[in-house]
């Protein structure tokens, strides 16, 4: 984590990967729900999921840089994930859920 934090090129690459993830997630949500291009919901849901992912990854990185153990970090990350789930709400959490 320290190497990534101190490298502008690695941080830039990770940012690019996050943006690429967002584009592909929106595309997949559109395909899974048969949403048209004018439907903004796949864009919004993808953005919320990307936010949750980015928030969690940044949180884990900060804890690891602070010297926390993987066990401590995972417990705290799970607690944060529970909080994120509460913030997202049912519209995002139930969007594009596969049946069966």
Protein backbone atom coordinates (compact mmCIF):
# COMPACT_ATOMS: atom_id res chain seq x y z
CA UNK A 1 0.00 0.00 0.00
CA UNK A 2 2.86 2.36 0.78
CA UNK A 3 4.37 1.80 -2.67
CA UNK A 4 1.04 2.59 -4.32
CA UNK A 5 0.50 5.64 -2.13
CA UNK A 6 3.89 7.08 -3.04
CA UNK A 7 3.68 6.40 -6.79
CA UNK A 8 1.80 8.88 -8.96
CA UNK A 9 1.78 6.44 -11.88
CA UNK A 10 0.32 3.59 -9.81
CA UNK A 11 -2.35 5.86 -8.34
CA UNK A 12 -3.21 7.10 -11.83
CA UNK A 13 -3.47 3.54 -13.10
CA UNK A 14 -5.74 2.56 -10.20
CA UNK A 15 -7.95 5.58 -10.95
CA UNK A 16 -8.17 4.47 -14.59
CA UNK A 17 -9.12 0.95 -13.50
CA UNK A 18 -11.86 2.37 -11.25
CA UNK A 19 -13.26 4.43 -14.13
CA UNK A 20 -13.14 1.41 -16.44
CA UNK A 21 -14.93 -0.65 -13.79
CA UNK A 22 -17.69 1.96 -13.65
CA UNK A 23 -18.20 1.90 -17.44
CA UNK A 24 -18.33 -1.90 -17.57
CA UNK A 25 -20.62 -2.13 -14.56
CA UNK A 26 -23.11 0.28 -16.10
CA UNK A 27 -23.02 -1.66 -19.38
CA UNK A 28 -23.61 -4.95 -17.56
CA UNK A 29 -26.51 -3.50 -15.55
CA UNK A 30 -28.11 -2.24 -18.76
CA UNK A 31 -27.76 -5.67 -20.36
CA UNK A 32 -29.08 -7.52 -17.31
CA UNK A 33 -32.14 -5.29 -16.97
CA UNK A 34 -32.78 -4.53 -20.65
CA UNK A 35 -32.59 -0.83 -19.78
CA UNK A 36 -32.61 1.63 -22.65
CA UNK A 37 -30.01 4.34 -23.18
CA UNK A 38 -32.41 6.99 -21.82
CA UNK A 39 -32.84 5.08 -18.53
CA UNK A 40 -30.56 6.73 -15.98
CA UNK A 41 -31.00 4.08 -13.28
CA UNK A 42 -28.15 1.81 -14.46
CA UNK A 43 -25.84 4.83 -14.46
CA UNK A 44 -26.90 5.82 -10.96
CA UNK A 45 -26.70 2.31 -9.52
CA UNK A 46 -23.28 1.72 -11.11
CA UNK A 47 -22.11 5.01 -9.62
CA UNK A 48 -23.32 4.05 -6.16
CA UNK A 49 -21.68 0.63 -6.34
CA UNK A 50 -18.44 2.19 -7.59
CA UNK A 51 -18.61 4.67 -4.72
CA UNK A 52 -19.07 1.81 -2.23
CA UNK A 53 -16.15 -0.09 -3.75
CA UNK A 54 -13.86 2.95 -3.78
CA UNK A 55 -14.77 3.90 -0.23
CA UNK A 56 -14.09 0.40 1.05
CA UNK A 57 -10.78 0.05 -0.81
CA UNK A 58 -9.58 3.45 0.41
CA UNK A 59 -10.59 2.59 3.98
CA UNK A 60 -8.69 -0.70 3.86
CA UNK A 61 -5.65 1.06 2.40
CA UNK A 62 -5.62 3.67 5.17
CA UNK A 63 -5.85 1.00 7.88
CA UNK A 64 -3.07 -1.06 6.35
CA UNK A 65 -0.84 2.01 5.99
CA UNK A 66 -1.52 2.78 9.65
CA UNK A 67 -0.07 -0.62 10.56
CA UNK A 68 -3.27 -2.49 11.37
CA UNK A 69 -3.20 -6.26 11.05
CA UNK A 70 -5.20 -7.98 8.32
CA UNK A 71 -7.51 -9.40 11.00
CA UNK A 72 -8.24 -5.97 12.49
CA UNK A 73 -8.62 -4.46 9.04
CA UNK A 74 -11.06 -7.10 7.86
CA UNK A 75 -13.25 -6.69 10.95
CA UNK A 76 -13.35 -2.92 10.58
CA UNK A 77 -13.95 -3.21 6.83
CA UNK A 78 -16.92 -5.51 7.41
CA UNK A 79 -18.38 -2.99 9.85
CA UNK A 80 -17.93 -0.24 7.28
CA UNK A 81 -19.56 -2.45 4.64
CA UNK A 82 -22.58 -2.86 6.92
CA UNK A 83 -22.77 0.94 7.22
CA UNK A 84 -22.46 1.34 3.45
CA UNK A 85 -25.30 -1.14 2.97
CA UNK A 86 -27.53 0.99 5.20
CA UNK A 87 -26.68 4.13 3.25
CA UNK A 88 -27.35 2.58 -0.16
CA UNK A 89 -30.98 1.71 0.48
CA UNK A 90 -33.22 -0.91 -1.03
CA UNK A 91 -33.49 0.57 -4.53
CA UNK A 92 -29.77 0.05 -5.15
CA UNK A 93 -29.49 -3.19 -3.18
CA UNK A 94 -32.38 -4.83 -5.00
CA UNK A 95 -31.53 -3.57 -8.47
CA UNK A 96 -30.81 -6.27 -11.08
CA UNK A 97 -31.02 -9.15 -8.60
CA UNK A 98 -31.17 -12.47 -10.42
CA UNK A 99 -34.04 -14.75 -9.48
CA UNK A 100 -33.50 -18.43 -8.83
